[in-house]
Structure formats: structure tokens, C-alpha cells
Amino acid sequence: MLGWLDDIEKAALDNKTFRTVLFTGKHTQLTVMSLPTGEEIGWESHGTHDQFIRLEQGQARVEFGRTEDAVDETHDVEDDWAFIVPAGVWHNVVNTGDVELKLYSLYSPPEHPDGTIHRTKREADAAED
């Protein structure tokens, strides 16, 4: 196939991994993520990447910061909410609900190697170190 075509809601809801790359193009990458109750993506910043995130299931706290040292904004969100993280903004997503948080993310440009599957946050953290 020349692009990516699928039911994104189903792909996100069916995902059982911390992070799986579904598609990598020249300028954009699509991933799905699943976070158990209480788990977080982790405080991070992408210097050259904009990121779009949409929640398909669950509740979360989204945190934004201008620097690595402080959270400047927090927002409570739930399924069907979306947000954009501009390049250079520190951010985190924390599952605050009582079900797995299911989401998908678009990175522009791609962030992870094509075909990446991180079954757990620990595995993802180890790969990024």
C-alpha cells in the first residue's frame, strides 16, 4: 500500500503495548500506546518534532512545561480529546483513570525507528537510553 489505511480507533483500542509504530513516512509517524492505570509516558521534550495525541479510551492528566525543571500547565482530559505538543515543549501524559489509557500519536517528523514495538515503558526507557 502506498500509505496507511485502517480503523485508527480499533487499532488504538486493540493495542496491548506501551508503544507500537504503525506507520512511518518521510515527514510523519503514527504510533499507538496503552498505559495501565497510574502509568505515565514520562517527562520529555522533542526538540525538532511536533506531536499530535488523541485519547481513544480513559482519563489522563496532560502536563506542559517551558523547561525541564517545571510543570507550567496541567489539563484533565478523557477519551475523544486531542492535543498538540509543539517542538521544544516539555510534556507528560499520566493515566489518572481506572482503565487502560489508549491513545494514538502522530510525530512530525518521525521520532522512533520504523517498526518499533515497546511492550512496556521499561522496555521503551531502555531503548531510549
C-alpha atoms as a PDB file:
ATOM      1  CA  MET A   1       0.000   0.000   0.000  1.00  0.00           C
ATOM      2  CA  LEU A   2       1.248   3.486  -0.798  1.00  0.00           C
ATOM      3  CA  GLY A   3       0.162   4.921   2.553  1.00  0.00           C
ATOM      4  CA  TRP A   4      -1.537   3.772   5.752  1.00  0.00           C
ATOM      5  CA  LEU A   5      -5.223   2.919   5.909  1.00  0.00           C
ATOM      6  CA  ASP A   6      -7.047   1.306   8.826  1.00  0.00           C
ATOM      7  CA  ASP A   7      -9.614   1.894  11.565  1.00  0.00           C
ATOM      8  CA  ILE A   8      -7.486   4.039  13.917  1.00  0.00           C
ATOM      9  CA  GLU A   9      -9.947   3.773  16.800  1.00  0.00           C
ATOM     10  CA  LYS A  10      -9.890  -0.032  16.634  1.00  0.00           C
ATOM     11  CA  ALA A  11      -6.103  -0.084  16.238  1.00  0.00           C
ATOM     12  CA  ALA A  12      -5.692   2.093  19.345  1.00  0.00           C
ATOM     13  CA  LEU A  13      -8.233   0.183  21.434  1.00  0.00           C
ATOM     14  CA  ASP A  14      -6.820  -3.233  20.436  1.00  0.00           C
ATOM     15  CA  ASN A  15      -3.221  -2.234  21.194  1.00  0.00           C
ATOM     16  CA  LYS A  16      -1.683  -4.002  24.218  1.00  0.00           C
ATOM     17  CA  THR A  17       1.809  -2.473  24.063  1.00  0.00           C
ATOM     18  CA  PHE A  18       3.256   0.657  25.620  1.00  0.00           C
ATOM     19  CA  ARG A  19       4.166   1.858  22.116  1.00  0.00           C
ATOM     20  CA  THR A  20       3.866   0.394  18.622  1.00  0.00           C
ATOM     21  CA  VAL A  21       4.775   2.231  15.430  1.00  0.00           C
ATOM     22  CA  LEU A  22       2.065   1.608  12.834  1.00  0.00           C
ATOM     23  CA  PHE A  23       3.388   3.777  10.020  1.00  0.00           C
ATOM     24  CA  THR A  24       6.497   5.776   9.236  1.00  0.00           C
ATOM     25  CA  GLY A  25       6.522   8.205   6.334  1.00  0.00           C
ATOM     26  CA  LYS A  26       9.096  10.739   5.253  1.00  0.00           C
ATOM     27  CA  HIS A  27       7.524  13.518   7.368  1.00  0.00           C
ATOM     28  CA  THR A  28       5.084  11.826   9.776  1.00  0.00           C
ATOM     29  CA  GLN A  29       4.910   8.791  12.040  1.00  0.00           C
ATOM     30  CA  LEU A  30       1.846   7.117  13.588  1.00  0.00           C
ATOM     31  CA  THR A  31       2.078   5.226  16.887  1.00  0.00           C
ATOM     32  CA  VAL A  32      -0.460   3.664  19.251  1.00  0.00           C
ATOM     33  CA  MET A  33       0.074   3.479  23.016  1.00  0.00           C
ATOM     34  CA  SER A  34      -1.505   1.769  26.004  1.00  0.00           C
ATOM     35  CA  LEU A  35      -0.819   2.874  29.591  1.00  0.00           C
ATOM     36  CA  PRO A  36      -2.080   0.945  32.631  1.00  0.00           C
ATOM     37  CA  THR A  37      -3.726   2.861  35.468  1.00  0.00           C
ATOM     38  CA  GLY A  38      -1.207   5.186  37.111  1.00  0.00           C
ATOM     39  CA  GLU A  39       1.429   4.812  34.372  1.00  0.00           C
ATOM     40  CA  GLU A  40       2.825   7.812  32.519  1.00  0.00           C
ATOM     41  CA  ILE A  41       4.653   8.426  29.282  1.00  0.00           C
ATOM     42  CA  GLY A  42       7.319  10.360  31.158  1.00  0.00           C
ATOM     43  CA  TRP A  43       8.512  13.979  31.177  1.00  0.00           C
ATOM     44  CA  GLU A  44      10.022  14.583  27.747  1.00  0.00           C
ATOM     45  CA  SER A  45      10.622  17.128  25.036  1.00  0.00           C
ATOM     46  CA  HIS A  46      11.129  16.666  21.303  1.00  0.00           C
ATOM     47  CA  GLY A  47      13.408  19.428  20.060  1.00  0.00           C
ATOM     48  CA  THR A  48      12.505  19.144  16.383  1.00  0.00           C
ATOM     49  CA  HIS A  49       9.188  17.247  16.467  1.00  0.00           C
ATOM     50  CA  ASP A  50       5.617  18.424  16.740  1.00  0.00           C
ATOM     51  CA  GLN A  51       3.305  15.790  18.238  1.00  0.00           C
ATOM     52  CA  PHE A  52      -0.473  15.277  17.958  1.00  0.00           C
ATOM     53  CA  ILE A  53      -2.083  12.982  20.562  1.00  0.00           C
ATOM     54  CA  ARG A  54      -5.685  11.736  20.683  1.00  0.00           C
ATOM     55  CA  LEU A  55      -7.164   9.696  23.526  1.00  0.00           C
ATOM     56  CA  GLU A  56      -9.471   6.875  22.468  1.00  0.00           C
ATOM     57  CA  GLN A  57     -10.133   5.442  25.949  1.00  0.00           C
ATOM     58  CA  GLY A  58      -9.602   6.555  29.509  1.00  0.00           C
ATOM     59  CA  GLN A  59      -8.750   9.639  31.518  1.00  0.00           C
ATOM     60  CA  ALA A  60      -5.421  11.424  31.822  1.00  0.00           C
ATOM     61  CA  ARG A  61      -3.589  14.410  33.142  1.00  0.00           C
ATOM     62  CA  VAL A  62      -1.590  16.242  30.489  1.00  0.00           C
ATOM     63  CA  GLU A  63       1.330  18.312  31.741  1.00  0.00           C
ATOM     64  CA  PHE A  64       3.199  21.003  29.793  1.00  0.00           C
ATOM     65  CA  GLY A  65       6.339  22.915  30.704  1.00  0.00           C
ATOM     66  CA  ARG A  66       8.564  25.565  29.166  1.00  0.00           C
ATOM     67  CA  THR A  67      11.645  23.932  30.712  1.00  0.00           C
ATOM     68  CA  GLU A  68      12.688  20.540  32.021  1.00  0.00           C
ATOM     69  CA  ASP A  69      12.522  21.892  35.577  1.00  0.00           C
ATOM     70  CA  ALA A  70       8.845  22.763  35.998  1.00  0.00           C
ATOM     71  CA  VAL A  71       5.297  21.867  35.000  1.00  0.00           C
ATOM     72  CA  ASP A  72       3.641  25.123  33.910  1.00  0.00           C
ATOM     73  CA  GLU A  73       0.203  23.756  32.944  1.00  0.00           C
ATOM     74  CA  THR A  74      -1.912  20.708  33.757  1.00  0.00           C
ATOM     75  CA  HIS A  75      -5.078  19.651  31.975  1.00  0.00           C
ATOM     76  CA  ASP A  76      -7.510  16.830  32.743  1.00  0.00           C
ATOM     77  CA  VAL A  77      -8.649  15.071  29.569  1.00  0.00           C
ATOM     78  CA  GLU A  78     -10.617  11.979  28.627  1.00  0.00           C
ATOM     79  CA  ASP A  79     -11.434   9.847  25.618  1.00  0.00           C
ATOM     80  CA  ASP A  80     -12.128  11.763  22.409  1.00  0.00           C
ATOM     81  CA  TRP A  81      -9.858  14.648  23.493  1.00  0.00           C
ATOM     82  CA  ALA A  82      -6.790  15.589  21.468  1.00  0.00           C
ATOM     83  CA  PHE A  83      -3.870  17.941  21.937  1.00  0.00           C
ATOM     84  CA  ILE A  84      -0.763  19.116  20.113  1.00  0.00           C
ATOM     85  CA  VAL A  85       2.674  19.400  21.672  1.00  0.00           C
ATOM     86  CA  PRO A  86       4.862  21.833  19.697  1.00  0.00           C
ATOM     87  CA  ALA A  87       8.554  21.063  19.282  1.00  0.00           C
ATOM     88  CA  GLY A  88      10.542  22.004  22.371  1.00  0.00           C
ATOM     89  CA  VAL A  89       7.643  21.898  24.846  1.00  0.00           C
ATOM     90  CA  TRP A  90       8.174  19.567  27.799  1.00  0.00           C
ATOM     91  CA  HIS A  91       5.208  17.281  28.359  1.00  0.00           C
ATOM     92  CA  ASN A  92       3.853  14.195  30.062  1.00  0.00           C
ATOM     93  CA  VAL A  93       0.661  12.146  29.948  1.00  0.00           C
ATOM     94  CA  VAL A  94      -0.416  10.332  33.130  1.00  0.00           C
ATOM     95  CA  ASN A  95      -3.221   7.763  33.218  1.00  0.00           C
ATOM     96  CA  THR A  96      -5.475   9.007  36.028  1.00  0.00           C
ATOM     97  CA  GLY A  97      -8.414   6.728  35.277  1.00  0.00           C
ATOM     98  CA  ASP A  98      -9.319   3.213  36.346  1.00  0.00           C
ATOM     99  CA  VAL A  99      -8.963   1.616  32.888  1.00  0.00           C
ATOM    100  CA  GLU A 100      -6.066   1.391  30.459  1.00  0.00           C
ATOM    101  CA  LEU A 101      -5.400   4.653  28.656  1.00  0.00           C
ATOM    102  CA  LYS A 102      -5.479   4.072  24.891  1.00  0.00           C
ATOM    103  CA  LEU A 103      -4.181   6.716  22.535  1.00  0.00           C
ATOM    104  CA  TYR A 104      -2.547   7.347  19.220  1.00  0.00           C
ATOM    105  CA  SER A 105       0.130   9.849  18.360  1.00  0.00           C
ATOM    106  CA  LEU A 106       1.428  11.495  15.209  1.00  0.00           C
ATOM    107  CA  TYR A 107       5.022  12.741  15.188  1.00  0.00           C
ATOM    108  CA  SER A 108       6.211  15.190  12.550  1.00  0.00           C
ATOM    109  CA  PRO A 109       8.898  14.295  11.563  1.00  0.00           C
ATOM    110  CA  PRO A 110       9.156  10.646  12.725  1.00  0.00           C
ATOM    111  CA  GLU A 111      10.559  10.077  16.223  1.00  0.00           C
ATOM    112  CA  HIS A 112      11.104   6.303  16.519  1.00  0.00           C
ATOM    113  CA  PRO A 113      12.760   3.744  14.221  1.00  0.00           C
ATOM    114  CA  ASP A 114      10.273   2.254  11.767  1.00  0.00           C
ATOM    115  CA  GLY A 115       8.733  -0.946  13.122  1.00  0.00           C
ATOM    116  CA  THR A 116       9.414  -0.092  16.781  1.00  0.00           C
ATOM    117  CA  ILE A 117       7.445  -2.086  19.343  1.00  0.00           C
ATOM    118  CA  HIS A 118       7.970  -1.345  23.041  1.00  0.00           C
ATOM    119  CA  ARG A 119       5.886  -3.812  25.007  1.00  0.00           C
ATOM    120  CA  THR A 120       6.404  -1.931  28.294  1.00  0.00           C
ATOM    121  CA  LYS A 121       7.515   1.511  29.480  1.00  0.00           C
ATOM    122  CA  ARG A 122      10.639  -0.116  30.953  1.00  0.00           C
ATOM    123  CA  GLU A 123      11.493  -1.508  27.506  1.00  0.00           C
ATOM    124  CA  ALA A 124      10.891   1.928  25.926  1.00  0.00           C
ATOM    125  CA  ASP A 125      13.054   3.685  28.520  1.00  0.00           C
ATOM    126  CA  ALA A 126      15.878   1.174  27.988  1.00  0.00           C
ATOM    127  CA  ALA A 127      15.744   1.663  24.208  1.00  0.00           C
ATOM    128  CA  GLU A 128      15.939   5.439  24.578  1.00  0.00           C
ATOM    129  CA  ASP A 129      18.924   5.383  26.970  1.00  0.00           C
END
